Amino acid sequence: MLFFMVSDIEKANFMYKLVVGKRNWGRKYERLEHLKRFENLNRIVKELSKKEWLNVYNKPNYTAVSLNSKKKR
């Protein structure tokens, strides 16, 4: 099994897209299908949600993410 960590640059670009481009804090979320330009999208979401930077919402038809407003400061 190959396992590697996603680079910090990829994570930072993902978070930058959510903060500046979409303003997704708290209950304002974005569908993952709208963010598919990121090559390692599933790994980025998994690592950031473990560190409590992301909130993941599993809706019936899609999965969405937003930034954790507790980390806003």
C-alpha atoms as a PDB file:
ATOM      1  CA  MET A   1       0.000   0.000   0.000  1.00  0.00           C
ATOM      2  CA  LEU A   2       1.394   3.353  -1.028  1.00  0.00           C
ATOM      3  CA  PHE A   3       0.830   6.171   1.387  1.00  0.00           C
ATOM      4  CA  PHE A   4       2.077   9.701   1.065  1.00  0.00           C
ATOM      5  CA  MET A   5       1.184  12.997   2.592  1.00  0.00           C
ATOM      6  CA  VAL A   6      -0.249  15.768   0.458  1.00  0.00           C
ATOM      7  CA  SER A   7       2.096  18.719   0.248  1.00  0.00           C
ATOM      8  CA  ASP A   8       1.410  21.767   2.361  1.00  0.00           C
ATOM      9  CA  ILE A   9       1.270  23.876  -0.801  1.00  0.00           C
ATOM     10  CA  GLU A  10      -1.641  21.841  -2.154  1.00  0.00           C
ATOM     11  CA  LYS A  11      -3.488  22.156   1.154  1.00  0.00           C
ATOM     12  CA  ALA A  12      -2.820  25.887   1.284  1.00  0.00           C
ATOM     13  CA  ASN A  13      -4.097  26.368  -2.275  1.00  0.00           C
ATOM     14  CA  PHE A  14      -7.254  24.415  -1.419  1.00  0.00           C
ATOM     15  CA  MET A  15      -7.904  26.477   1.706  1.00  0.00           C
ATOM     16  CA  TYR A  16      -7.122  29.705  -0.177  1.00  0.00           C
ATOM     17  CA  LYS A  17      -9.740  28.776  -2.766  1.00  0.00           C
ATOM     18  CA  LEU A  18     -12.334  28.215  -0.035  1.00  0.00           C
ATOM     19  CA  VAL A  19     -11.482  31.393   1.895  1.00  0.00           C
ATOM     20  CA  VAL A  20     -10.882  34.014  -0.765  1.00  0.00           C
ATOM     21  CA  GLY A  21     -12.785  32.674  -3.731  1.00  0.00           C
ATOM     22  CA  LYS A  22     -15.830  31.228  -2.033  1.00  0.00           C
ATOM     23  CA  ARG A  23     -15.872  32.682   1.517  1.00  0.00           C
ATOM     24  CA  ASN A  24     -16.909  29.295   2.895  1.00  0.00           C
ATOM     25  CA  TRP A  25     -16.789  29.552   6.679  1.00  0.00           C
ATOM     26  CA  GLY A  26     -19.131  27.665   8.948  1.00  0.00           C
ATOM     27  CA  ARG A  27     -22.428  26.699   7.317  1.00  0.00           C
ATOM     28  CA  LYS A  28     -21.515  28.119   3.881  1.00  0.00           C
ATOM     29  CA  TYR A  29     -20.220  25.072   2.106  1.00  0.00           C
ATOM     30  CA  GLU A  30     -18.991  24.111  -1.343  1.00  0.00           C
ATOM     31  CA  ARG A  31     -19.597  20.851  -3.191  1.00  0.00           C
ATOM     32  CA  LEU A  32     -16.510  18.757  -3.778  1.00  0.00           C
ATOM     33  CA  GLU A  33     -17.445  18.337  -7.426  1.00  0.00           C
ATOM     34  CA  HIS A  34     -16.878  22.077  -7.892  1.00  0.00           C
ATOM     35  CA  LEU A  35     -13.320  21.727  -6.586  1.00  0.00           C
ATOM     36  CA  LYS A  36     -12.151  18.881  -8.796  1.00  0.00           C
ATOM     37  CA  ARG A  37      -9.250  20.901 -10.237  1.00  0.00           C
ATOM     38  CA  PHE A  38      -7.220  19.702  -7.239  1.00  0.00           C
ATOM     39  CA  GLU A  39      -5.377  16.512  -8.127  1.00  0.00           C
ATOM     40  CA  ASN A  40      -5.416  14.908  -4.649  1.00  0.00           C
ATOM     41  CA  LEU A  41      -8.797  16.230  -3.560  1.00  0.00           C
ATOM     42  CA  ASN A  42      -9.821  13.252  -1.423  1.00  0.00           C
ATOM     43  CA  ARG A  43      -6.503  13.152   0.422  1.00  0.00           C
ATOM     44  CA  ILE A  44      -6.543  16.910   1.010  1.00  0.00           C
ATOM     45  CA  VAL A  45     -10.042  16.734   2.475  1.00  0.00           C
ATOM     46  CA  LYS A  46      -9.160  13.723   4.613  1.00  0.00           C
ATOM     47  CA  GLU A  47      -5.999  15.304   6.081  1.00  0.00           C
ATOM     48  CA  LEU A  48      -7.556  18.718   6.730  1.00  0.00           C
ATOM     49  CA  SER A  49     -10.650  17.230   8.334  1.00  0.00           C
ATOM     50  CA  LYS A  50      -8.467  15.140  10.684  1.00  0.00           C
ATOM     51  CA  LYS A  51      -6.745  18.351  11.788  1.00  0.00           C
ATOM     52  CA  GLU A  52     -10.203  19.944  12.234  1.00  0.00           C
ATOM     53  CA  TRP A  53      -9.670  22.606   9.555  1.00  0.00           C
ATOM     54  CA  LEU A  54     -12.607  21.390   7.476  1.00  0.00           C
ATOM     55  CA  ASN A  55     -16.215  20.500   8.169  1.00  0.00           C
ATOM     56  CA  VAL A  56     -17.457  17.739   5.869  1.00  0.00           C
ATOM     57  CA  TYR A  57     -21.173  17.527   5.073  1.00  0.00           C
ATOM     58  CA  ASN A  58     -22.487  14.286   3.581  1.00  0.00           C
ATOM     59  CA  LYS A  59     -25.688  15.226   1.767  1.00  0.00           C
ATOM     60  CA  PRO A  60     -27.890  12.627   0.027  1.00  0.00           C
ATOM     61  CA  ASN A  61     -26.667  13.569  -3.468  1.00  0.00           C
ATOM     62  CA  TYR A  62     -23.234  15.064  -2.853  1.00  0.00           C
ATOM     63  CA  THR A  63     -20.472  15.761  -0.345  1.00  0.00           C
ATOM     64  CA  ALA A  64     -19.648  19.330   0.634  1.00  0.00           C
ATOM     65  CA  VAL A  65     -16.926  21.033   2.694  1.00  0.00           C
ATOM     66  CA  SER A  66     -16.489  24.291   4.545  1.00  0.00           C
ATOM     67  CA  LEU A  67     -13.780  25.733   6.732  1.00  0.00           C
ATOM     68  CA  ASN A  68     -14.134  25.359  10.486  1.00  0.00           C
ATOM     69  CA  SER A  69     -15.126  28.751  11.877  1.00  0.00           C
ATOM     70  CA  LYS A  70     -13.395  27.944  15.187  1.00  0.00           C
ATOM     71  CA  LYS A  71     -10.063  28.201  13.340  1.00  0.00           C
ATOM     72  CA  LYS A  72     -10.931  31.535  11.692  1.00  0.00           C
ATOM     73  CA  ARG A  73      -8.718  33.627  13.915  1.00  0.00           C
END
